[in-house]
Every structure is written in C-alpha cells, then in structure tokens.
Amino acid sequence: MVREKSKYYNFQEPLHVYVVADASVFIWGKRPEGELITVPAVEAELKDLRSKSMLHIFEARVESPSPQSLKAAKAAAGETGDIRVLSSTDLDVLAKALEYGAILATDDYALQNVALHLGLKIEPIGQPRIKRLKKHVQRCRGCGKSFEGEACPDCGTPARKKKRC
C-alpha cells in the first residue's frame, strides 16, 4: 500500500547526507553519520592495515573528483592563500565535497578554512574545529604593502620563501 499525500500530514523522505572523508576519519576510526565518500588519493595515503580496514568497514565509496570541481577547489584555495599548504590529496577531497555539496570530515585546519570559505559544512574528527576564518596574504619586506605572487608589484622586492623542516 502506498501512502498518498495528505494535507494533514507531511510524509517527507529522510534527507540523504553525504560526507566526504579525509584520511583522518580512517586513521582515528571514527565514522561520521551519512553516506561516506573519499578519493583514491586518500586510499593511497592509508598505509597500515587498521586504517585500510576502516575504509572497507565503513563502506566508503572511492570516487575521483571532476575536473570542474577540482578547478573550483584550487581557485578557492588560492583566494584564501591556503594553496601553498594544501596537498593534491587535500584538493581532491575538497573538490569532491564541493561536487556533492557534502559535509567535509577532516582535522586539517587549512582544509577546514577553505571549506568554510566555500560555504561547506565541516565535521572535525579528533581535533577541535577552527575558531575563525583566515585569509593569508604576503607582506612586502621592502615597502610593507600586501600582495600576491612572486614579487611586489610596487617596489619589485621578491616574496619571502618559507623554509621547510
């Protein structure tokens, strides 16, 4: 028997929630509510047997992001200045979340920052969520003005290179 629509009752289908998972979901072993999706690069990042098993136990779908959503994710990361610290895996995860309009499950603060700038919901796994949005800018050592790129457009001073440990 099929229920008919009634003017007295609102029989709505339950909302389908998509969650795009970063590697931290499988490493911590904490499954968020909803249909779990991840990208092939995250699957490749999982090295130990336990986290690889969590991928299968959680029944996560593994899908590649579309080129359009990847382009949008890179553009958003460039706007916030987080492009310098995000890996290609992080950009794939962000693109997939953008594609589905999904909740992004991650502990990466730079990834959370870009996701919030894009209007996506985030769900931290083992760390607290970021407290405020940030936009990274470069400041010229010569004239003190903020700029983007390799050199200051006003005085020509090259951008500061950060050392990696």
Protein backbone atom coordinates (compact mmCIF):
# COMPACT_ATOMS: atom_id res chain seq x y z
CA MET A 1 0.00 0.00 0.00
CA VAL A 2 1.39 3.40 -1.00
CA ARG A 3 0.82 6.41 1.21
CA GLU A 4 -0.87 9.29 -0.51
CA LYS A 5 -0.02 12.90 0.20
CA SER A 6 -2.26 14.35 2.80
CA LYS A 7 -2.96 17.95 3.66
CA TYR A 8 -2.79 16.99 7.34
CA TYR A 9 0.46 15.03 7.42
CA ASN A 10 3.81 15.76 5.88
CA PHE A 11 5.33 12.47 4.75
CA GLN A 12 8.80 13.51 3.64
CA GLU A 13 11.61 11.25 2.62
CA PRO A 14 14.56 11.36 5.02
CA LEU A 15 17.32 13.68 3.86
CA HIS A 16 20.31 11.95 2.31
CA VAL A 17 23.55 13.22 3.84
CA TYR A 18 26.86 12.83 2.05
CA VAL A 19 30.14 13.04 3.98
CA VAL A 20 33.47 13.33 2.16
CA ALA A 21 36.21 11.85 4.32
CA ASP A 22 39.84 12.81 4.67
CA ALA A 23 42.39 10.20 5.82
CA SER A 24 41.88 11.25 9.46
CA VAL A 25 38.47 9.52 9.50
CA PHE A 26 40.06 6.14 8.79
CA ILE A 27 43.16 6.75 10.93
CA TRP A 28 41.11 7.74 14.00
CA GLY A 29 38.47 5.09 13.24
CA LYS A 30 35.55 7.45 13.89
CA ARG A 31 32.73 7.12 11.38
CA PRO A 32 30.59 10.21 10.76
CA GLU A 33 26.86 9.83 10.10
CA GLY A 34 25.85 9.71 6.43
CA GLU A 35 26.98 8.12 3.20
CA LEU A 36 30.78 8.13 3.25
CA ILE A 37 32.76 9.09 0.14
CA THR A 38 36.50 9.53 -0.29
CA VAL A 39 39.01 9.92 -3.14
CA PRO A 40 41.63 7.49 -4.50
CA ALA A 41 44.48 9.64 -3.14
CA VAL A 42 43.18 9.17 0.43
CA GLU A 43 43.01 5.42 -0.13
CA ALA A 44 46.66 5.54 -1.25
CA GLU A 45 47.64 7.52 1.88
CA LEU A 46 46.39 4.77 4.19
CA LYS A 47 49.47 2.69 4.97
CA ASP A 48 48.66 0.49 7.97
CA LEU A 49 46.29 -2.48 7.94
CA ARG A 50 43.95 -0.96 10.56
CA SER A 51 43.20 2.23 8.64
CA LYS A 52 42.86 0.32 5.35
CA SER A 53 40.39 -1.99 7.09
CA MET A 54 38.38 1.00 8.34
CA LEU A 55 37.91 2.13 4.74
CA HIS A 56 36.18 -1.18 3.99
CA ILE A 57 34.37 -1.49 7.32
CA PHE A 58 32.88 2.00 6.91
CA GLU A 59 31.81 1.01 3.37
CA ALA A 60 33.21 4.23 1.91
CA ARG A 61 32.81 4.82 -1.81
CA VAL A 62 36.02 5.83 -3.57
CA GLU A 63 35.47 8.33 -6.41
CA SER A 64 37.70 10.76 -8.29
CA PRO A 65 36.67 14.43 -8.36
CA SER A 66 35.55 16.03 -11.62
CA PRO A 67 37.95 18.44 -13.36
CA GLN A 68 35.47 21.31 -12.89
CA SER A 69 35.20 20.84 -9.13
CA LEU A 70 38.98 20.44 -8.85
CA LYS A 71 39.44 23.73 -10.67
CA ALA A 72 36.95 25.45 -8.33
CA ALA A 73 38.71 23.98 -5.26
CA LYS A 74 42.11 25.25 -6.45
CA ALA A 75 40.65 28.69 -7.12
CA ALA A 76 39.12 28.87 -3.64
CA ALA A 77 42.37 27.71 -2.01
CA GLY A 78 44.20 30.38 -3.97
CA GLU A 79 41.81 33.07 -2.74
CA THR A 80 42.34 32.16 0.91
CA GLY A 81 46.09 31.67 0.49
CA ASP A 82 45.94 28.06 1.67
CA ILE A 83 47.01 26.71 -1.74
CA ARG A 84 50.64 26.72 -0.55
CA VAL A 85 49.97 24.30 2.30
CA LEU A 86 47.31 22.02 0.79
CA SER A 87 48.44 18.79 -0.84
CA SER A 88 46.95 17.43 -4.04
CA THR A 89 45.06 14.90 -1.89
CA ASP A 90 43.56 17.74 0.16
CA LEU A 91 42.46 19.50 -3.03
CA ASP A 92 40.87 16.26 -4.32
CA VAL A 93 38.93 15.85 -1.05
CA LEU A 94 37.81 19.48 -1.15
CA ALA A 95 36.75 19.15 -4.80
CA LYS A 96 34.71 16.03 -4.05
CA ALA A 97 32.95 17.75 -1.13
CA LEU A 98 32.22 20.72 -3.38
CA GLU A 99 30.87 18.41 -6.08
CA TYR A 100 28.33 16.83 -3.73
CA GLY A 101 27.73 19.86 -1.51
CA ALA A 102 28.71 17.43 1.22
CA ILE A 103 29.93 17.69 4.77
CA LEU A 104 33.72 17.58 4.89
CA ALA A 105 35.15 15.34 7.63
CA THR A 106 38.74 16.41 8.33
CA ASP A 107 41.14 17.60 11.01
CA ASP A 108 43.27 19.66 8.60
CA TYR A 109 42.87 23.33 9.56
CA ALA A 110 43.81 24.70 6.13
CA LEU A 111 41.28 22.37 4.51
CA GLN A 112 38.63 23.43 7.03
CA ASN A 113 39.39 27.10 6.30
CA VAL A 114 38.87 26.74 2.55
CA ALA A 115 35.76 24.59 3.05
CA LEU A 116 34.18 27.22 5.29
CA HIS A 117 35.03 29.94 2.76
CA LEU A 118 33.17 27.85 0.17
CA GLY A 119 30.15 27.51 2.47
CA LEU A 120 30.61 23.79 3.12
CA LYS A 121 29.87 22.24 6.48
CA ILE A 122 32.78 20.60 8.29
CA GLU A 123 32.98 17.85 10.87
CA PRO A 124 36.24 17.55 12.80
CA ILE A 125 37.29 14.04 13.78
CA GLY A 126 39.89 14.14 16.55
CA GLN A 127 40.88 17.82 16.81
CA PRO A 128 38.77 20.90 17.57
CA ARG A 129 37.42 22.79 14.56
CA ILE A 130 38.95 26.11 13.52
CA LYS A 131 37.69 29.07 15.50
CA ARG A 132 37.72 31.74 12.79
CA LEU A 133 38.22 32.09 9.07
CA LYS A 134 41.62 33.25 7.86
CA LYS A 135 42.90 34.76 4.64
CA HIS A 136 46.65 34.56 4.13
CA VAL A 137 48.41 37.48 2.43
CA GLN A 138 52.05 38.22 1.71
CA ARG A 139 53.55 41.41 3.04
CA CYS A 140 56.43 43.06 1.19
CA ARG A 141 59.69 43.32 3.16
CA GLY A 142 60.62 46.45 1.22
CA CYS A 143 57.57 48.72 1.24
CA GLY A 144 55.23 46.87 3.64
CA LYS A 145 52.28 46.54 1.24
CA SER A 146 50.35 43.30 0.88
CA PHE A 147 50.49 41.49 -2.47
CA GLU A 148 50.05 38.18 -4.26
CA GLY A 149 52.58 36.47 -6.50
CA GLU A 150 56.35 36.13 -6.67
CA ALA A 151 57.34 39.80 -6.33
CA CYS A 152 55.84 43.06 -5.03
CA PRO A 153 54.25 44.94 -7.93
CA ASP A 154 55.14 48.31 -6.36
CA CYS A 155 58.83 48.01 -5.48
CA GLY A 156 59.87 44.67 -7.05
CA THR A 157 61.04 43.01 -3.81
CA PRO A 158 60.82 39.20 -4.19
CA ALA A 159 58.41 37.26 -1.98
CA ARG A 160 59.77 35.64 1.12
CA LYS A 161 60.45 31.93 0.74
CA LYS A 162 59.49 29.81 3.73
CA LYS A 163 61.89 27.12 4.87
CA ARG A 164 60.57 23.62 5.30
CA CYS A 165 61.95 21.40 8.04
